[in-house]
Amino acid sequence: MNVLAMAVLLFLISCKKSDTNPGDGCASVANFNASQQLDGLKLSFTGSGSPLFYEIAIANAASGGGPGSGSTYVVNSTSVSFPLDSIGLIAGQTYLIYARAACSASAKSDWSAPKSVTLNAYCDRPTNLGFSPYAEGMGFDWQVKSSTNSFSFQVQYGPKNFTLGSGTTAITLGTVYTGAALAANTYYDFYVRSSCNGTLGNSEWAGPYTYYSIANQHMCLPPSNVTYTIERNGLGQAVGANFQWNKNGETNFEFTYVTPGQSVNLGTIYTFGNFGTPTVLGMFQNTDYHFYVRSVCLDGSKTSWFGPTLFNIGH
């Protein structure tokens, strides 16, 4: 065999080796598994060698299903979960999933054998978690798709970095929760998941969303620091009093007034919400009164009365 023929033969052998094992043995994947977990596609495999990254190919089986017929994603872990919505996968469709290792942009192992996954319907997890002001105080809120099949939501929260499952839980029918008991100057983590109709059960938890509470909220603290101004009629005559107090994170209150020496339980109890200033009318001029106020907690319980605060509307 002449020198030219030998060179051609060696070149063909080299090309054949490169085609069957482009990574030249630098890395590989094994034990590849793919499965649906609620609204996510869970992938896991083992890697050998020293890859720079891994590639995942996902192809619709109806379109041929080869690794080059779908979308390819670069990952840096041997265990990864793709939210189905984020990669456009559709319930009821069958997909073929492949994995391979890459030692460089050009040196890559062979694709693994495909794993077939037929996606089932699932409960949509909430998105766009946030915190906003509401009439009841600051509220944890989120969004769901307009076509969602959820009918209620489970909220869980606790101090920052708490273990999911050990926090405070609540159920709400809407996409906002304003009932969290929050202490001032404290970080909290919030999670939420959907509960769906039929046999779909719950979605994955969305979160955490971290919120820094700058004030107490729903700690069921009594009011404090009551002040008042005189309410006058068009002739300038004193006819009542306008009261204000520090709410200390609460949003519902009861108040009353009595003459000095009377028990607070003898007064007429009035209710008051989160906005405005309550005006009390009907007391006598130049007469001392005692004013009391207390918070009404979310569960219907009530704090102790704050008071008495002495007031006199004069004349």
C-alpha atoms as a PDB file:
ATOM      1  CA  MET A   1       0.000   0.000   0.000  1.00  0.00           C
ATOM      2  CA  ASN A   2       1.440   3.354  -1.016  1.00  0.00           C
ATOM      3  CA  VAL A   3       1.756   6.317   1.311  1.00  0.00           C
ATOM      4  CA  LEU A   4      -1.255   8.158  -0.157  1.00  0.00           C
ATOM      5  CA  ALA A   5      -3.583   5.161   0.277  1.00  0.00           C
ATOM      6  CA  MET A   6      -2.376   4.669   3.843  1.00  0.00           C
ATOM      7  CA  ALA A   7      -3.112   8.328   4.662  1.00  0.00           C
ATOM      8  CA  VAL A   8      -6.629   8.074   3.246  1.00  0.00           C
ATOM      9  CA  LEU A   9      -7.284   4.903   5.269  1.00  0.00           C
ATOM     10  CA  LEU A  10      -6.080   6.526   8.497  1.00  0.00           C
ATOM     11  CA  PHE A  11      -8.238   9.596   7.783  1.00  0.00           C
ATOM     12  CA  LEU A  12     -11.374   7.450   7.319  1.00  0.00           C
ATOM     13  CA  ILE A  13     -10.691   5.526  10.536  1.00  0.00           C
ATOM     14  CA  SER A  14     -10.274   8.808  12.382  1.00  0.00           C
ATOM     15  CA  CYS A  15     -13.554  10.149  11.000  1.00  0.00           C
ATOM     16  CA  LYS A  16     -15.377   6.950  11.919  1.00  0.00           C
ATOM     17  CA  LYS A  17     -14.109   7.165  15.505  1.00  0.00           C
ATOM     18  CA  SER A  18     -15.098  10.823  15.766  1.00  0.00           C
ATOM     19  CA  ASP A  19     -18.614  10.114  14.480  1.00  0.00           C
ATOM     20  CA  THR A  20     -19.291   7.318  16.966  1.00  0.00           C
ATOM     21  CA  ASN A  21     -17.680   8.979  19.968  1.00  0.00           C
ATOM     22  CA  PRO A  22     -17.160  12.700  19.319  1.00  0.00           C
ATOM     23  CA  GLY A  23     -16.168  13.291  22.949  1.00  0.00           C
ATOM     24  CA  ASP A  24     -13.283  10.824  22.546  1.00  0.00           C
ATOM     25  CA  GLY A  25     -14.245   9.228  25.870  1.00  0.00           C
ATOM     26  CA  CYS A  26     -13.856  12.461  27.894  1.00  0.00           C
ATOM     27  CA  ALA A  27     -17.360  12.103  29.393  1.00  0.00           C
ATOM     28  CA  SER A  28     -20.587  10.120  29.168  1.00  0.00           C
ATOM     29  CA  VAL A  29     -24.029   9.753  30.746  1.00  0.00           C
ATOM     30  CA  ALA A  30     -25.687   6.619  32.141  1.00  0.00           C
ATOM     31  CA  ASN A  31     -28.723   5.574  34.185  1.00  0.00           C
ATOM     32  CA  PHE A  32     -30.863   8.193  32.453  1.00  0.00           C
ATOM     33  CA  ASN A  33     -34.441   8.549  33.765  1.00  0.00           C
ATOM     34  CA  ALA A  34     -37.278  10.907  32.834  1.00  0.00           C
ATOM     35  CA  SER A  35     -40.722  11.222  34.410  1.00  0.00           C
ATOM     36  CA  GLN A  36     -43.526  13.716  34.961  1.00  0.00           C
ATOM     37  CA  GLN A  37     -43.905  15.085  38.485  1.00  0.00           C
ATOM     38  CA  LEU A  38     -47.056  17.220  38.688  1.00  0.00           C
ATOM     39  CA  ASP A  39     -46.345  20.187  36.386  1.00  0.00           C
ATOM     40  CA  GLY A  40     -42.652  19.399  35.911  1.00  0.00           C
ATOM     41  CA  LEU A  41     -40.504  17.082  33.832  1.00  0.00           C
ATOM     42  CA  LYS A  42     -37.978  15.469  36.192  1.00  0.00           C
ATOM     43  CA  LEU A  43     -34.701  14.215  34.672  1.00  0.00           C
ATOM     44  CA  SER A  44     -31.819  12.424  36.355  1.00  0.00           C
ATOM     45  CA  PHE A  45     -28.714  10.559  35.201  1.00  0.00           C
ATOM     46  CA  THR A  46     -25.162   9.821  36.233  1.00  0.00           C
ATOM     47  CA  GLY A  47     -22.152  11.378  34.560  1.00  0.00           C
ATOM     48  CA  SER A  48     -18.595  10.181  34.209  1.00  0.00           C
ATOM     49  CA  GLY A  49     -15.435  11.913  33.111  1.00  0.00           C
ATOM     50  CA  SER A  50     -15.044  15.677  33.256  1.00  0.00           C
ATOM     51  CA  PRO A  51     -17.831  17.270  31.175  1.00  0.00           C
ATOM     52  CA  LEU A  52     -18.218  21.026  30.971  1.00  0.00           C
ATOM     53  CA  PHE A  53     -22.003  20.705  30.715  1.00  0.00           C
ATOM     54  CA  TYR A  54     -24.808  18.385  29.628  1.00  0.00           C
ATOM     55  CA  GLU A  55     -27.404  18.667  26.900  1.00  0.00           C
ATOM     56  CA  ILE A  56     -31.033  17.561  27.055  1.00  0.00           C
ATOM     57  CA  ALA A  57     -33.023  17.068  23.842  1.00  0.00           C
ATOM     58  CA  ILE A  58     -36.836  16.896  23.969  1.00  0.00           C
ATOM     59  CA  ALA A  59     -38.780  15.936  20.861  1.00  0.00           C
ATOM     60  CA  ASN A  60     -42.444  15.253  20.207  1.00  0.00           C
ATOM     61  CA  ALA A  61     -42.794  11.576  19.295  1.00  0.00           C
ATOM     62  CA  ALA A  62     -45.405  12.465  16.667  1.00  0.00           C
ATOM     63  CA  SER A  63     -42.838  14.531  14.746  1.00  0.00           C
ATOM     64  CA  GLY A  64     -40.248  11.763  14.495  1.00  0.00           C
ATOM     65  CA  GLY A  65     -38.803  11.957  17.958  1.00  0.00           C
ATOM     66  CA  GLY A  66     -35.108  12.149  17.088  1.00  0.00           C
ATOM     67  CA  PRO A  67     -32.817  14.335  19.243  1.00  0.00           C
ATOM     68  CA  GLY A  68     -32.400  16.745  16.358  1.00  0.00           C
ATOM     69  CA  SER A  69     -36.142  17.185  15.759  1.00  0.00           C
ATOM     70  CA  GLY A  70     -36.974  18.985  18.997  1.00  0.00           C
ATOM     71  CA  SER A  71     -35.455  21.515  21.384  1.00  0.00           C
ATOM     72  CA  THR A  72     -32.084  21.226  23.124  1.00  0.00           C
ATOM     73  CA  TYR A  73     -31.282  22.624  26.571  1.00  0.00           C
ATOM     74  CA  VAL A  74     -27.935  23.064  28.302  1.00  0.00           C
ATOM     75  CA  VAL A  75     -27.801  22.051  31.978  1.00  0.00           C
ATOM     76  CA  ASN A  76     -25.023  21.849  34.554  1.00  0.00           C
ATOM     77  CA  SER A  77     -26.536  19.261  36.867  1.00  0.00           C
ATOM     78  CA  THR A  78     -27.312  15.554  36.632  1.00  0.00           C
ATOM     79  CA  SER A  79     -30.690  16.183  38.265  1.00  0.00           C
ATOM     80  CA  VAL A  80     -32.954  18.847  36.775  1.00  0.00           C
ATOM     81  CA  SER A  81     -36.660  19.693  36.567  1.00  0.00           C
ATOM     82  CA  PHE A  82     -38.289  21.625  33.718  1.00  0.00           C
ATOM     83  CA  PRO A  83     -41.667  23.282  34.380  1.00  0.00           C
ATOM     84  CA  LEU A  84     -43.822  21.972  31.552  1.00  0.00           C
ATOM     85  CA  ASP A  85     -45.298  25.369  30.699  1.00  0.00           C
ATOM     86  CA  SER A  86     -41.884  26.993  30.407  1.00  0.00           C
ATOM     87  CA  ILE A  87     -40.755  24.625  27.643  1.00  0.00           C
ATOM     88  CA  GLY A  88     -44.077  24.397  25.831  1.00  0.00           C
ATOM     89  CA  LEU A  89     -44.921  20.754  26.528  1.00  0.00           C
ATOM     90  CA  ILE A  90     -48.596  19.815  26.244  1.00  0.00           C
ATOM     91  CA  ALA A  91     -50.632  17.372  28.346  1.00  0.00           C
ATOM     92  CA  GLY A  92     -51.765  14.365  26.325  1.00  0.00           C
ATOM     93  CA  GLN A  93     -48.679  14.411  24.055  1.00  0.00           C
ATOM     94  CA  THR A  94     -45.843  11.872  24.093  1.00  0.00           C
ATOM     95  CA  TYR A  95     -42.247  13.114  24.128  1.00  0.00           C
ATOM     96  CA  LEU A  96     -38.877  11.427  23.679  1.00  0.00           C
ATOM     97  CA  ILE A  97     -36.099  12.771  25.906  1.00  0.00           C
ATOM     98  CA  TYR A  98     -32.336  12.307  25.415  1.00  0.00           C
ATOM     99  CA  ALA A  99     -29.220  13.341  27.349  1.00  0.00           C
ATOM    100  CA  ARG A 100     -25.507  13.621  26.526  1.00  0.00           C
ATOM    101  CA  ALA A 101     -22.314  15.050  28.018  1.00  0.00           C
ATOM    102  CA  ALA A 102     -20.189  17.771  26.441  1.00  0.00           C
ATOM    103  CA  CYS A 103     -16.476  18.361  27.042  1.00  0.00           C
ATOM    104  CA  SER A 104     -16.498  21.341  24.671  1.00  0.00           C
ATOM    105  CA  ALA A 105     -18.760  22.951  22.109  1.00  0.00           C
ATOM    106  CA  SER A 106     -17.729  20.284  19.591  1.00  0.00           C
ATOM    107  CA  ALA A 107     -16.632  17.275  21.658  1.00  0.00           C
ATOM    108  CA  LYS A 108     -19.775  15.556  22.937  1.00  0.00           C
ATOM    109  CA  SER A 109     -20.745  12.029  23.865  1.00  0.00           C
ATOM    110  CA  ASP A 110     -23.391  10.037  22.027  1.00  0.00           C
ATOM    111  CA  TRP A 111     -27.014  10.745  22.893  1.00  0.00           C
ATOM    112  CA  SER A 112     -28.512   8.364  25.435  1.00  0.00           C
ATOM    113  CA  ALA A 113     -31.280   6.003  24.454  1.00  0.00           C
ATOM    114  CA  PRO A 114     -34.590   7.933  24.484  1.00  0.00           C
ATOM    115  CA  LYS A 115     -36.980   7.925  27.400  1.00  0.00           C
ATOM    116  CA  SER A 116     -40.641   8.122  26.423  1.00  0.00           C
ATOM    117  CA  VAL A 117     -42.978  10.199  28.583  1.00  0.00           C
ATOM    118  CA  THR A 118     -46.693  10.721  27.923  1.00  0.00           C
ATOM    119  CA  LEU A 119     -47.817  13.790  29.828  1.00  0.00           C
ATOM    120  CA  ASN A 120     -50.937  13.731  31.987  1.00  0.00           C
ATOM    121  CA  ALA A 121     -53.160  16.701  32.847  1.00  0.00           C
ATOM    122  CA  TYR A 122     -51.917  18.554  35.913  1.00  0.00           C
ATOM    123  CA  CYS A 123     -52.845  21.293  38.372  1.00  0.00           C
ATOM    124  CA  ASP A 124     -51.312  24.650  37.387  1.00  0.00           C
ATOM    125  CA  ARG A 125     -49.007  26.238  39.927  1.00  0.00           C
ATOM    126  CA  PRO A 126     -49.416  29.983  40.642  1.00  0.00           C
ATOM    127  CA  THR A 127     -47.015  32.518  39.127  1.00  0.00           C
ATOM    128  CA  ASN A 128     -45.901  36.144  39.641  1.00  0.00           C
ATOM    129  CA  LEU A 129     -45.791  36.017  43.429  1.00  0.00           C
ATOM    130  CA  GLY A 130     -45.656  39.395  45.175  1.00  0.00           C
ATOM    131  CA  PHE A 131     -46.785  41.642  48.033  1.00  0.00           C
ATOM    132  CA  SER A 132     -49.174  44.597  47.650  1.00  0.00           C
ATOM    133  CA  PRO A 133     -51.148  46.972  49.889  1.00  0.00           C
ATOM    134  CA  TYR A 134     -54.843  46.152  50.483  1.00  0.00           C
ATOM    135  CA  ALA A 135     -57.556  47.530  52.741  1.00  0.00           C
ATOM    136  CA  GLU A 136     -56.820  44.778  55.275  1.00  0.00           C
ATOM    137  CA  GLY A 137     -53.078  45.486  55.226  1.00  0.00           C
ATOM    138  CA  MET A 138     -50.174  44.197  53.166  1.00  0.00           C
ATOM    139  CA  GLY A 139     -51.168  41.083  51.227  1.00  0.00           C
ATOM    140  CA  PHE A 140     -49.325  38.184  49.604  1.00  0.00           C
ATOM    141  CA  ASP A 141     -50.680  37.793  46.060  1.00  0.00           C
ATOM    142  CA  TRP A 142     -50.130  35.759  42.885  1.00  0.00           C
ATOM    143  CA  GLN A 143     -51.580  35.060  39.454  1.00  0.00           C
ATOM    144  CA  VAL A 144     -52.979  32.011  37.678  1.00  0.00           C
ATOM    145  CA  LYS A 145     -53.763  31.340  34.049  1.00  0.00           C
ATOM    146  CA  SER A 146     -57.201  32.426  32.868  1.00  0.00           C
ATOM    147  CA  SER A 147     -57.913  28.809  31.927  1.00  0.00           C
ATOM    148  CA  THR A 148     -56.742  27.409  35.266  1.00  0.00           C
ATOM    149  CA  ASN A 149     -58.692  24.566  36.846  1.00  0.00           C
ATOM    150  CA  SER A 150     -57.876  25.629  40.426  1.00  0.00           C
ATOM    151  CA  PHE A 151     -60.693  26.349  42.895  1.00  0.00           C
ATOM    152  CA  SER A 152     -58.700  27.317  46.006  1.00  0.00           C
ATOM    153  CA  PHE A 153     -55.150  28.010  47.124  1.00  0.00           C
ATOM    154  CA  GLN A 154     -52.992  26.914  50.031  1.00  0.00           C
ATOM    155  CA  VAL A 155     -50.592  29.463  51.490  1.00  0.00           C
ATOM    156  CA  GLN A 156     -47.704  28.619  53.784  1.00  0.00           C
ATOM    157  CA  TYR A 157     -45.354  31.121  55.385  1.00  0.00           C
ATOM    158  CA  GLY A 158     -42.778  31.417  58.127  1.00  0.00           C
ATOM    159  CA  PRO A 159     -39.484  33.091  59.015  1.00  0.00           C
ATOM    160  CA  LYS A 160     -37.004  33.330  56.134  1.00  0.00           C
ATOM    161  CA  ASN A 161     -35.499  29.927  55.211  1.00  0.00           C
ATOM    162  CA  PHE A 162     -38.083  27.942  57.202  1.00  0.00           C
ATOM    163  CA  THR A 163     -38.616  24.325  56.121  1.00  0.00           C
ATOM    164  CA  LEU A 164     -41.664  23.919  53.903  1.00  0.00           C
ATOM    165  CA  GLY A 165     -44.187  21.907  55.887  1.00  0.00           C
ATOM    166  CA  SER A 166     -43.368  23.547  59.207  1.00  0.00           C
ATOM    167  CA  GLY A 167     -44.852  26.989  58.500  1.00  0.00           C
ATOM    168  CA  THR A 168     -48.211  28.611  59.157  1.00  0.00           C
ATOM    169  CA  THR A 169     -50.834  27.517  56.629  1.00  0.00           C
ATOM    170  CA  ALA A 170     -54.023  29.106  55.330  1.00  0.00           C
ATOM    171  CA  ILE A 171     -56.570  28.418  52.574  1.00  0.00           C
ATOM    172  CA  THR A 172     -58.098  31.141  50.402  1.00  0.00           C
ATOM    173  CA  LEU A 173     -60.475  31.154  47.439  1.00  0.00           C
ATOM    174  CA  GLY A 174     -58.924  34.237  45.840  1.00  0.00           C
ATOM    175  CA  THR A 175     -55.460  35.125  44.608  1.00  0.00           C
ATOM    176  CA  VAL A 176     -54.489  37.244  47.623  1.00  0.00           C
ATOM    177  CA  TYR A 177     -53.917  36.492  51.301  1.00  0.00           C
ATOM    178  CA  THR A 178     -53.913  39.398  53.744  1.00  0.00           C
ATOM    179  CA  GLY A 179     -54.212  37.437  56.990  1.00  0.00           C
ATOM    180  CA  ALA A 180     -50.537  36.744  57.685  1.00  0.00           C
ATOM    181  CA  ALA A 181     -49.382  37.527  61.230  1.00  0.00           C
ATOM    182  CA  LEU A 182     -46.162  39.463  60.674  1.00  0.00           C
ATOM    183  CA  ALA A 183     -43.775  40.974  63.210  1.00  0.00           C
ATOM    184  CA  ALA A 184     -42.024  44.262  62.502  1.00  0.00           C
ATOM    185  CA  ASN A 185     -38.463  44.249  61.128  1.00  0.00           C
ATOM    186  CA  THR A 186     -38.606  40.569  60.162  1.00  0.00           C
ATOM    187  CA  TYR A 187     -38.055  38.644  56.899  1.00  0.00           C
ATOM    188  CA  TYR A 188     -40.653  36.021  55.900  1.00  0.00           C
ATOM    189  CA  ASP A 189     -40.813  33.403  53.135  1.00  0.00           C
ATOM    190  CA  PHE A 190     -44.157  32.745  51.429  1.00  0.00           C
ATOM    191  CA  TYR A 191     -45.261  29.757  49.313  1.00  0.00           C
ATOM    192  CA  VAL A 192     -48.553  29.065  47.532  1.00  0.00           C
ATOM    193  CA  ARG A 193     -50.022  26.167  45.562  1.00  0.00           C
ATOM    194  CA  SER A 194     -53.271  25.529  43.708  1.00  0.00           C
ATOM    195  CA  SER A 195     -55.915  22.986  44.642  1.00  0.00           C
ATOM    196  CA  CYS A 196     -57.690  21.763  41.523  1.00  0.00           C
ATOM    197  CA  ASN A 197     -60.955  20.135  40.545  1.00  0.00           C
ATOM    198  CA  GLY A 198     -61.459  16.439  39.967  1.00  0.00           C
ATOM    199  CA  THR A 199     -58.552  14.059  40.477  1.00  0.00           C
ATOM    200  CA  LEU A 200     -55.803  16.588  39.727  1.00  0.00           C
ATOM    201  CA  GLY A 201     -55.111  17.315  43.384  1.00  0.00           C
ATOM    202  CA  ASN A 202     -52.608  20.027  44.281  1.00  0.00           C
ATOM    203  CA  SER A 203     -50.017  21.784  42.171  1.00  0.00           C
ATOM    204  CA  GLU A 204     -46.358  22.127  43.031  1.00  0.00           C
ATOM    205  CA  TRP A 205     -45.545  24.810  45.571  1.00  0.00           C
ATOM    206  CA  ALA A 206     -44.593  28.143  44.037  1.00  0.00           C
ATOM    207  CA  GLY A 207     -42.031  30.159  45.975  1.00  0.00           C
ATOM    208  CA  PRO A 208     -40.519  31.160  48.161  1.00  0.00           C
ATOM    209  CA  TYR A 209     -41.290  34.847  47.878  1.00  0.00           C
ATOM    210  CA  THR A 210     -39.352  36.738  50.550  1.00  0.00           C
ATOM    211  CA  TYR A 211     -40.991  39.754  52.195  1.00  0.00           C
ATOM    212  CA  TYR A 212     -39.549  42.152  54.766  1.00  0.00           C
ATOM    213  CA  SER A 213     -42.198  43.330  57.217  1.00  0.00           C
ATOM    214  CA  ILE A 214     -41.486  46.861  58.407  1.00  0.00           C
ATOM    215  CA  ALA A 215     -44.446  46.914  60.828  1.00  0.00           C
ATOM    216  CA  ASN A 216     -46.532  44.532  62.911  1.00  0.00           C
ATOM    217  CA  GLN A 217     -49.528  43.065  61.099  1.00  0.00           C
ATOM    218  CA  HIS A 218     -52.238  40.813  62.544  1.00  0.00           C
ATOM    219  CA  MET A 219     -50.214  40.021  65.659  1.00  0.00           C
ATOM    220  CA  CYS A 220     -53.429  40.731  67.582  1.00  0.00           C
ATOM    221  CA  LEU A 221     -51.887  43.569  69.547  1.00  0.00           C
ATOM    222  CA  PRO A 222     -54.002  46.086  71.477  1.00  0.00           C
ATOM    223  CA  PRO A 223     -54.161  49.673  70.214  1.00  0.00           C
ATOM    224  CA  SER A 224     -52.174  52.433  71.908  1.00  0.00           C
ATOM    225  CA  ASN A 225     -51.657  56.214  72.080  1.00  0.00           C
ATOM    226  CA  VAL A 226     -55.282  57.400  71.870  1.00  0.00           C
ATOM    227  CA  THR A 227     -55.780  61.075  70.981  1.00  0.00           C
ATOM    228  CA  TYR A 228     -58.902  63.113  70.191  1.00  0.00           C
ATOM    229  CA  THR A 229     -60.107  66.393  68.690  1.00  0.00           C
ATOM    230  CA  ILE A 230     -63.350  68.236  69.340  1.00  0.00           C
ATOM    231  CA  GLU A 231     -66.225  67.923  66.830  1.00  0.00           C
ATOM    232  CA  ARG A 232     -68.184  71.196  66.484  1.00  0.00           C
ATOM    233  CA  ASN A 233     -71.383  72.146  64.677  1.00  0.00           C
ATOM    234  CA  GLY A 234     -71.880  75.066  62.317  1.00  0.00           C
ATOM    235  CA  LEU A 235     -72.281  77.442  65.265  1.00  0.00           C
ATOM    236  CA  GLY A 236     -68.937  76.373  66.742  1.00  0.00           C
ATOM    237  CA  GLN A 237     -70.574  74.473  69.588  1.00  0.00           C
ATOM    238  CA  ALA A 238     -68.894  71.293  70.859  1.00  0.00           C
ATOM    239  CA  VAL A 239     -71.058  68.287  69.960  1.00  0.00           C
ATOM    240  CA  GLY A 240     -68.664  65.333  70.088  1.00  0.00           C
ATOM    241  CA  ALA A 241     -65.120  64.039  69.691  1.00  0.00           C
ATOM    242  CA  ASN A 242     -63.026  62.493  66.909  1.00  0.00           C
ATOM    243  CA  PHE A 243     -60.665  59.729  68.073  1.00  0.00           C
ATOM    244  CA  GLN A 244     -57.436  58.335  66.686  1.00  0.00           C
ATOM    245  CA  TRP A 245     -55.033  55.661  67.962  1.00  0.00           C
ATOM    246  CA  ASN A 246     -52.017  53.616  66.931  1.00  0.00           C
ATOM    247  CA  LYS A 247     -53.391  50.483  65.261  1.00  0.00           C
ATOM    248  CA  ASN A 248     -50.230  48.374  65.770  1.00  0.00           C
ATOM    249  CA  GLY A 249     -50.902  46.297  62.667  1.00  0.00           C
ATOM    250  CA  GLU A 250     -54.560  45.510  63.313  1.00  0.00           C
ATOM    251  CA  THR A 251     -57.519  46.447  61.107  1.00  0.00           C
ATOM    252  CA  ASN A 252     -60.690  45.915  63.172  1.00  0.00           C
ATOM    253  CA  PHE A 253     -61.570  47.506  66.496  1.00  0.00           C
ATOM    254  CA  GLU A 254     -64.230  48.040  69.134  1.00  0.00           C
ATOM    255  CA  PHE A 255     -64.519  51.171  71.282  1.00  0.00           C
ATOM    256  CA  THR A 256     -66.757  52.613  73.943  1.00  0.00           C
ATOM    257  CA  TYR A 257     -66.913  55.422  76.491  1.00  0.00           C
ATOM    258  CA  VAL A 258     -68.285  55.703  80.007  1.00  0.00           C
ATOM    259  CA  THR A 259     -68.260  58.278  82.807  1.00  0.00           C
ATOM    260  CA  PRO A 260     -65.429  58.016  85.345  1.00  0.00           C
ATOM    261  CA  GLY A 261     -66.130  55.301  87.899  1.00  0.00           C
ATOM    262  CA  GLN A 262     -68.305  53.247  85.544  1.00  0.00           C
ATOM    263  CA  SER A 263     -67.194  49.816  84.386  1.00  0.00           C
ATOM    264  CA  VAL A 264     -66.136  49.618  80.732  1.00  0.00           C
ATOM    265  CA  ASN A 265     -68.697  46.828  80.333  1.00  0.00           C
ATOM    266  CA  LEU A 266     -71.533  49.340  80.862  1.00  0.00           C
ATOM    267  CA  GLY A 267     -70.687  51.353  77.745  1.00  0.00           C
ATOM    268  CA  THR A 268     -72.257  50.955  74.311  1.00  0.00           C
ATOM    269  CA  ILE A 269     -69.740  49.115  72.116  1.00  0.00           C
ATOM    270  CA  TYR A 270     -69.101  50.493  68.619  1.00  0.00           C
ATOM    271  CA  THR A 271     -67.127  48.809  65.821  1.00  0.00           C
ATOM    272  CA  PHE A 272     -64.589  50.480  63.579  1.00  0.00           C
ATOM    273  CA  GLY A 273     -62.515  49.358  60.588  1.00  0.00           C
ATOM    274  CA  ASN A 274     -59.197  50.374  59.108  1.00  0.00           C
ATOM    275  CA  PHE A 275     -59.936  53.790  57.571  1.00  0.00           C
ATOM    276  CA  GLY A 276     -61.150  57.169  58.664  1.00  0.00           C
ATOM    277  CA  THR A 277     -61.656  58.563  62.146  1.00  0.00           C
ATOM    278  CA  PRO A 278     -64.540  57.506  64.409  1.00  0.00           C
ATOM    279  CA  THR A 279     -66.676  60.383  65.649  1.00  0.00           C
ATOM    280  CA  VAL A 280     -68.538  60.004  68.939  1.00  0.00           C
ATOM    281  CA  LEU A 281     -71.606  62.233  69.460  1.00  0.00           C
ATOM    282  CA  GLY A 282     -74.148  62.650  72.209  1.00  0.00           C
ATOM    283  CA  MET A 283     -72.050  63.351  75.297  1.00  0.00           C
ATOM    284  CA  PHE A 284     -72.656  66.343  77.527  1.00  0.00           C
ATOM    285  CA  GLN A 285     -70.526  69.463  77.363  1.00  0.00           C
ATOM    286  CA  ASN A 286     -68.039  70.175  80.172  1.00  0.00           C
ATOM    287  CA  THR A 287     -68.291  66.558  81.337  1.00  0.00           C
ATOM    288  CA  ASP A 288     -65.458  64.070  81.850  1.00  0.00           C
ATOM    289  CA  TYR A 289     -65.593  60.707  80.070  1.00  0.00           C
ATOM    290  CA  HIS A 290     -63.338  57.673  79.818  1.00  0.00           C
ATOM    291  CA  PHE A 291     -62.643  56.268  76.328  1.00  0.00           C
ATOM    292  CA  TYR A 292     -61.626  52.612  75.727  1.00  0.00           C
ATOM    293  CA  VAL A 293     -60.583  50.805  72.527  1.00  0.00           C
ATOM    294  CA  ARG A 294     -59.499  47.222  71.715  1.00  0.00           C
ATOM    295  CA  SER A 295     -58.487  45.171  68.667  1.00  0.00           C
ATOM    296  CA  VAL A 296     -60.629  42.430  67.133  1.00  0.00           C
ATOM    297  CA  CYS A 297     -58.377  39.608  65.911  1.00  0.00           C
ATOM    298  CA  LEU A 298     -58.800  37.616  62.703  1.00  0.00           C
ATOM    299  CA  ASP A 299     -60.183  34.633  64.588  1.00  0.00           C
ATOM    300  CA  GLY A 300     -62.800  36.814  66.311  1.00  0.00           C
ATOM    301  CA  SER A 301     -61.000  36.992  69.640  1.00  0.00           C
ATOM    302  CA  LYS A 302     -60.338  40.396  71.193  1.00  0.00           C
ATOM    303  CA  THR A 303     -57.434  42.020  72.963  1.00  0.00           C
ATOM    304  CA  SER A 304     -57.665  43.698  76.344  1.00  0.00           C
ATOM    305  CA  TRP A 305     -59.097  47.220  76.420  1.00  0.00           C
ATOM    306  CA  PHE A 306     -56.659  50.094  76.036  1.00  0.00           C
ATOM    307  CA  GLY A 307     -57.697  52.865  78.403  1.00  0.00           C
ATOM    308  CA  PRO A 308     -59.137  54.694  80.068  1.00  0.00           C
ATOM    309  CA  THR A 309     -58.290  57.858  78.130  1.00  0.00           C
ATOM    310  CA  LEU A 310     -59.855  60.873  79.827  1.00  0.00           C
ATOM    311  CA  PHE A 311     -61.621  63.320  77.504  1.00  0.00           C
ATOM    312  CA  ASN A 312     -63.912  66.327  77.840  1.00  0.00           C
ATOM    313  CA  ILE A 313     -65.393  68.159  74.842  1.00  0.00           C
ATOM    314  CA  GLY A 314     -65.700  71.474  76.723  1.00  0.00           C
ATOM    315  CA  HIS A 315     -68.414  73.781  75.456  1.00  0.00           C
END
